[in-house]
Amino acid sequence: MAILVIAEHDNSTLKAATLNAVTAATQMGSDVHVLVAGAGCLAVAEQAANVQGVSQVLLADDATYEHQLAENISLLIAELGKDYSHIVVPATTSGKNFMPRVAALLDVAQISEIVRVDSADTFDRPIYAGNAIATVQSLDAIKVITVRTTGFDAASAEGGNASIQSVSVSHNAGTSAYVGAQIVKSDRPELTSARVVISGGRGMGNGENFALIEKVADKLGAAVGASRAAVDAGFVPNDMQVGQTGKIVAPDLYIAVGISGAIQHLAGMKDSKVIVAINKDEEAPIFQVADYGLVADLFDVVPKLEQLL
């Protein structure tokens, strides 16, 4: 049986996280289909058809799915998913919202945030904030899986030649309605896709001091993140949070400024290729995972770093 990957998109652009999910899916089987559900999203389906490893794209273009409400899209996925051996989605905020509903509708267990595929029914996933890896085997006829994108390389967005098939299935659960969205606009890259991330913690003191690392981020073309402590203190909004209950990142370079390195935060960034830590406490746990550590007052060294850049 084929494998169904649920595309993440904004009705105009295929999100990069979908490419990582496709890579994971190709390791489960050779016949990979992608479902694009939205409204006016033909361009997304065409992008998905170009992804290497995808053999077919299902296009559910209906006003019901314009905002991809979990209550509606889960009904669609559960209906189409009965014909597949695996249903795969990136472990993003969106995927985590509707996939448990899909698993419940299909009466199967969900396997969350896998980081490796051992076989078609056996997968590795982190537990205990990433301090241990559990190998999980599923005997369910349909495997419902979310993929931690940092565990898999992105599939090539070019070179594929999949066919596009329209799906005339419209499900409106009638239990929710789209009211509006407050979207923060930024010229910086998204946290989950940035090659460089610089994050601040409680040591920043207040939200205004985040301007120090923002200046460095602008020169490096980096995304700006934060620890949960900084978010809970009200320094920055929670969409900047990196960690187990925030966003999982694995950039080429991660710079932690004024972050002690609580286990919750380390779980969200320790897979970064190079980690740099700046903290005045030489006993801070962050130094245990850092490739480069600087014991210094961030208010002295960050401005100097910005000047040198």
Protein backbone atom coordinates (compact mmCIF):
# COMPACT_ATOMS: atom_id res chain seq x y z
CA MET A 1 0.00 0.00 0.00
CA ALA A 2 1.04 3.59 -0.59
CA ILE A 3 2.04 6.20 1.99
CA LEU A 4 0.16 9.48 2.36
CA VAL A 5 2.02 12.66 3.33
CA ILE A 6 -0.09 15.65 4.39
CA ALA A 7 1.34 18.84 2.88
CA GLU A 8 1.80 21.91 5.04
CA HIS A 9 1.15 25.12 3.12
CA ASP A 10 -0.51 28.55 3.11
CA ASN A 11 -2.58 27.97 -0.06
CA SER A 12 0.19 29.45 -2.19
CA THR A 13 3.51 27.97 -1.06
CA LEU A 14 4.53 24.48 0.02
CA LYS A 15 6.24 24.70 3.41
CA ALA A 16 9.76 23.31 3.71
CA ALA A 17 8.75 20.97 6.54
CA THR A 18 6.80 18.88 4.02
CA LEU A 19 10.04 18.02 2.22
CA ASN A 20 11.47 16.47 5.40
CA ALA A 21 8.28 14.46 5.86
CA VAL A 22 8.56 13.18 2.28
CA THR A 23 12.10 11.93 2.99
CA ALA A 24 10.83 10.03 6.03
CA ALA A 25 7.97 8.59 3.99
CA THR A 26 10.28 7.32 1.24
CA GLN A 27 12.11 5.31 3.90
CA MET A 28 8.84 3.57 4.81
CA GLY A 29 7.93 2.63 1.23
CA SER A 30 8.48 3.52 -2.40
CA ASP A 31 5.00 4.75 -3.34
CA VAL A 32 4.51 8.18 -1.73
CA HIS A 33 1.42 10.33 -2.28
CA VAL A 34 0.95 13.90 -1.03
CA LEU A 35 -2.39 15.40 0.00
CA VAL A 36 -2.81 19.15 -0.57
CA ALA A 37 -5.98 20.36 1.16
CA GLY A 38 -6.93 24.02 0.95
CA ALA A 39 -8.68 26.59 -1.20
CA GLY A 40 -7.20 28.04 -4.39
CA CYS A 41 -4.15 25.88 -3.78
CA LEU A 42 -3.41 24.44 -7.23
CA ALA A 43 0.01 26.15 -7.15
CA VAL A 44 0.87 24.18 -4.01
CA ALA A 45 -0.14 20.92 -5.68
CA GLU A 46 2.11 21.76 -8.64
CA GLN A 47 5.01 22.40 -6.27
CA ALA A 48 4.35 19.10 -4.49
CA ALA A 49 4.29 17.29 -7.85
CA ASN A 50 7.84 18.50 -8.48
CA VAL A 51 9.20 17.00 -5.26
CA GLN A 52 11.48 14.03 -5.81
CA GLY A 53 10.08 10.80 -4.42
CA VAL A 54 6.42 11.76 -4.83
CA SER A 55 4.43 9.61 -7.27
CA GLN A 56 0.99 11.24 -6.94
CA VAL A 57 -0.58 14.41 -5.53
CA LEU A 58 -4.15 14.49 -4.25
CA LEU A 59 -5.71 17.94 -4.49
CA ALA A 60 -8.68 18.72 -2.21
CA ASP A 61 -9.48 22.28 -3.30
CA ASP A 62 -12.55 23.36 -1.35
CA ALA A 63 -13.58 26.43 0.64
CA THR A 64 -14.12 24.13 3.64
CA TYR A 65 -10.36 23.61 3.88
CA GLU A 66 -9.26 27.20 3.23
CA HIS A 67 -7.99 27.70 6.79
CA GLN A 68 -7.27 24.01 7.38
CA LEU A 69 -9.35 23.81 10.55
CA ALA A 70 -8.42 20.64 12.40
CA GLU A 71 -12.04 19.57 12.84
CA ASN A 72 -12.60 19.60 9.06
CA ILE A 73 -9.29 18.43 7.67
CA SER A 74 -9.07 15.49 10.07
CA LEU A 75 -12.30 14.09 8.62
CA LEU A 76 -10.86 14.38 5.11
CA ILE A 77 -7.58 12.71 6.03
CA ALA A 78 -9.31 9.90 7.92
CA GLU A 79 -11.53 9.14 4.91
CA LEU A 80 -8.71 9.15 2.37
CA GLY A 81 -6.23 7.56 4.76
CA LYS A 82 -8.14 4.28 4.93
CA ASP A 83 -6.54 3.33 1.63
CA TYR A 84 -2.96 3.88 2.87
CA SER A 85 -0.55 1.97 5.07
CA HIS A 86 0.97 5.11 6.59
CA ILE A 87 -0.22 8.70 7.10
CA VAL A 88 2.68 11.07 7.67
CA VAL A 89 2.83 14.75 8.61
CA PRO A 90 5.56 17.12 9.88
CA ALA A 91 5.45 17.54 13.67
CA THR A 92 4.63 21.24 13.42
CA THR A 93 1.95 23.18 15.26
CA SER A 94 -0.48 22.43 12.45
CA GLY A 95 0.33 18.73 12.24
CA LYS A 96 0.13 18.28 16.00
CA ASN A 97 -3.30 19.90 15.91
CA PHE A 98 -5.10 17.53 13.55
CA MET A 99 -3.16 14.24 13.57
CA PRO A 100 -4.40 13.01 16.99
CA ARG A 101 -7.93 13.51 15.66
CA VAL A 102 -7.05 11.43 12.60
CA ALA A 103 -5.68 8.63 14.80
CA ALA A 104 -8.82 8.68 16.93
CA LEU A 105 -11.10 8.56 13.89
CA LEU A 106 -9.16 5.57 12.52
CA ASP A 107 -9.00 3.95 15.99
CA VAL A 108 -5.22 3.53 15.87
CA ALA A 109 -2.32 4.79 17.96
CA GLN A 110 -0.32 7.83 16.90
CA ILE A 111 3.47 7.58 16.77
CA SER A 112 4.77 11.05 17.54
CA GLU A 113 7.89 12.90 16.39
CA ILE A 114 9.90 10.06 14.92
CA VAL A 115 13.56 10.80 14.18
CA ARG A 116 14.45 7.58 12.36
CA VAL A 117 12.75 4.87 10.33
CA ASP A 118 14.06 1.39 11.17
CA SER A 119 11.51 -0.45 9.03
CA ALA A 120 7.99 -0.02 7.73
CA ASP A 121 6.56 -0.66 11.20
CA THR A 122 9.41 0.30 13.54
CA PHE A 123 10.52 3.82 14.37
CA ASP A 124 12.76 5.74 16.78
CA ARG A 125 11.40 8.68 18.75
CA PRO A 126 12.85 10.80 21.58
CA ILE A 127 11.47 10.53 25.11
CA TYR A 128 12.35 12.23 28.40
CA ALA A 129 13.08 15.54 26.69
CA GLY A 130 15.38 13.84 24.21
CA ASN A 131 17.56 12.16 26.84
CA ALA A 132 16.54 8.72 25.61
CA ILE A 133 15.43 7.28 22.29
CA ALA A 134 12.57 4.77 22.25
CA THR A 135 12.26 2.22 19.48
CA VAL A 136 8.55 1.74 18.82
CA GLN A 137 6.90 -0.98 16.71
CA SER A 138 3.32 -0.56 15.56
CA LEU A 139 1.05 -3.46 14.65
CA ASP A 140 -1.78 -1.17 13.52
CA ALA A 141 -2.92 -1.63 9.94
CA ILE A 142 -2.55 2.13 9.38
CA LYS A 143 0.40 3.94 10.94
CA VAL A 144 -0.37 7.55 11.90
CA ILE A 145 2.96 9.33 12.25
CA THR A 146 4.31 12.80 12.95
CA VAL A 147 7.89 13.47 11.86
CA ARG A 148 10.42 15.62 13.70
CA THR A 149 11.80 17.49 10.71
CA THR A 150 15.27 17.94 12.21
CA GLY A 151 15.75 14.17 12.02
CA PHE A 152 15.48 13.94 8.23
CA ASP A 153 17.08 15.75 5.30
CA ALA A 154 14.73 17.67 3.02
CA ALA A 155 13.73 15.97 -0.22
CA SER A 156 14.64 17.84 -3.38
CA ALA A 157 11.93 20.29 -4.39
CA GLU A 158 12.82 19.80 -8.06
CA GLY A 159 13.09 16.84 -10.35
CA GLY A 160 9.82 15.07 -9.57
CA ASN A 161 7.03 14.44 -12.05
CA ALA A 162 4.00 13.31 -10.06
CA SER A 163 0.48 13.35 -11.42
CA ILE A 164 -2.18 15.54 -9.80
CA GLN A 165 -5.58 14.04 -9.01
CA SER A 166 -8.48 16.16 -7.79
CA VAL A 167 -10.43 14.84 -4.81
CA SER A 168 -14.08 15.88 -4.48
CA VAL A 169 -14.55 15.35 -0.78
CA SER A 170 -15.94 18.14 1.39
CA HIS A 171 -16.25 17.74 5.16
CA ASN A 172 -17.51 20.50 7.39
CA ALA A 173 -17.75 19.31 10.97
CA GLY A 174 -19.68 22.45 11.90
CA THR A 175 -17.97 22.61 15.29
CA SER A 176 -15.53 25.44 14.62
CA ALA A 177 -15.23 28.56 12.49
CA TYR A 178 -12.33 30.70 11.37
CA VAL A 179 -12.43 34.09 13.09
CA GLY A 180 -9.08 35.66 12.23
CA ALA A 181 -5.32 35.42 12.54
CA GLN A 182 -2.71 37.69 14.05
CA ILE A 183 0.45 37.07 12.08
CA VAL A 184 3.76 38.62 13.03
CA LYS A 185 5.54 39.94 9.96
CA SER A 186 9.33 39.70 9.92
CA ASP A 187 12.08 40.07 7.36
CA ARG A 188 14.10 37.45 9.22
CA PRO A 189 13.87 33.76 8.29
CA GLU A 190 11.52 31.42 10.15
CA LEU A 191 12.98 29.74 13.22
CA THR A 192 12.45 26.21 11.96
CA SER A 193 14.07 26.81 8.56
CA ALA A 194 16.86 29.30 9.39
CA ARG A 195 20.49 28.30 8.86
CA VAL A 196 21.52 30.49 11.81
CA VAL A 197 19.54 31.06 15.02
CA ILE A 198 20.45 33.38 17.90
CA SER A 199 18.36 33.03 21.04
CA GLY A 200 18.12 34.97 24.27
CA GLY A 201 17.20 33.79 27.73
CA ARG A 202 16.29 35.15 31.14
CA GLY A 203 19.76 36.70 31.29
CA MET A 204 18.64 39.31 28.76
CA GLY A 205 16.91 41.07 31.67
CA ASN A 206 13.96 42.45 29.71
CA GLY A 207 12.40 42.53 26.27
CA GLU A 208 14.09 45.77 25.25
CA ASN A 209 17.52 44.15 25.59
CA PHE A 210 16.60 41.65 22.86
CA ALA A 211 17.51 44.50 20.49
CA LEU A 212 21.15 43.58 21.21
CA ILE A 213 20.83 40.13 19.67
CA GLU A 214 18.50 41.37 16.94
CA LYS A 215 21.32 43.57 15.64
CA VAL A 216 23.59 40.54 15.49
CA ALA A 217 20.85 38.51 13.83
CA ASP A 218 20.40 41.14 11.12
CA LYS A 219 24.08 40.97 10.24
CA LEU A 220 24.11 37.17 10.20
CA GLY A 221 20.78 36.78 8.40
CA ALA A 222 19.64 34.80 11.42
CA ALA A 223 16.33 34.05 13.07
CA VAL A 224 15.77 35.20 16.65
CA GLY A 225 14.56 32.76 19.28
CA ALA A 226 14.13 32.66 23.03
CA SER A 227 14.09 30.27 25.96
CA ARG A 228 10.88 29.43 27.77
CA ALA A 229 12.09 31.45 30.75
CA ALA A 230 12.30 34.57 28.58
CA VAL A 231 8.86 33.92 27.12
CA ASP A 232 7.28 33.25 30.52
CA ALA A 233 8.83 36.46 31.83
CA GLY A 234 7.06 38.35 29.05
CA PHE A 235 10.23 39.48 27.30
CA VAL A 236 9.12 38.19 23.88
CA PRO A 237 6.05 36.47 22.34
CA ASN A 238 5.72 32.70 22.61
CA ASP A 239 6.11 32.12 18.86
CA MET A 240 9.83 32.75 19.43
CA GLN A 241 10.18 29.95 21.98
CA VAL A 242 12.74 27.24 21.24
CA GLY A 243 12.44 24.06 23.26
CA GLN A 244 10.44 20.96 23.99
CA THR A 245 7.19 22.91 24.29
CA GLY A 246 8.24 25.43 21.65
CA LYS A 247 9.91 24.99 18.29
CA ILE A 248 12.48 22.32 17.51
CA VAL A 249 15.40 23.71 15.52
CA ALA A 250 18.62 22.27 14.11
CA PRO A 251 20.40 25.10 12.26
CA ASP A 252 23.99 25.11 11.06
CA LEU A 253 24.78 27.60 13.83
CA TYR A 254 22.92 28.17 17.11
CA ILE A 255 23.99 31.01 19.41
CA ALA A 256 22.59 30.92 22.95
CA VAL A 257 22.85 34.22 24.79
CA GLY A 258 22.05 34.43 28.49
CA ILE A 259 20.49 30.95 28.43
CA SER A 260 21.34 28.62 31.30
CA GLY A 261 20.46 25.49 29.34
CA ALA A 262 17.48 23.93 31.07
CA ILE A 263 16.68 20.45 29.79
CA GLN A 264 13.51 21.73 28.15
CA HIS A 265 15.49 24.18 26.03
CA LEU A 266 18.26 21.73 25.17
CA ALA A 267 15.67 19.31 23.80
CA GLY A 268 14.76 21.88 21.16
CA MET A 269 18.22 22.82 19.88
CA LYS A 270 20.87 20.27 20.78
CA ASP A 271 20.83 18.78 17.26
CA SER A 272 22.25 22.04 15.87
CA LYS A 273 25.48 21.48 13.95
CA VAL A 274 27.47 24.13 15.86
CA ILE A 275 26.39 25.54 19.24
CA VAL A 276 27.86 28.71 20.71
CA ALA A 277 27.02 29.73 24.29
CA ILE A 278 27.52 33.11 25.97
CA ASN A 279 26.84 33.11 29.70
CA LYS A 280 28.51 34.66 32.73
CA ASP A 281 27.89 31.51 34.81
CA GLU A 282 30.62 29.04 33.99
CA GLU A 283 28.56 26.25 35.61
CA ALA A 284 25.60 26.79 33.28
CA PRO A 285 24.41 23.47 31.75
CA ILE A 286 24.44 25.05 28.28
CA PHE A 287 28.22 24.70 28.21
CA GLN A 288 27.90 20.91 28.36
CA VAL A 289 26.40 20.82 24.87
CA ALA A 290 28.15 23.87 23.39
CA ASP A 291 30.91 23.49 20.82
CA TYR A 292 32.18 26.94 21.77
CA GLY A 293 31.54 28.67 25.09
CA LEU A 294 32.31 32.17 26.27
CA VAL A 295 32.08 32.94 29.99
CA ALA A 296 31.36 36.67 29.94
CA ASP A 297 28.75 39.32 30.52
CA LEU A 298 26.49 39.34 27.47
CA PHE A 299 26.01 43.11 27.76
CA ASP A 300 29.76 43.52 27.15
CA VAL A 301 30.40 40.93 24.46
CA VAL A 302 27.24 41.02 22.31
CA PRO A 303 27.69 44.71 21.34
CA LYS A 304 31.35 43.99 20.56
CA LEU A 305 30.33 41.00 18.44
CA GLU A 306 27.88 43.17 16.53
CA GLN A 307 30.61 45.77 15.86
CA LEU A 308 33.06 43.13 14.62
CA LEU A 309 30.49 41.72 12.24
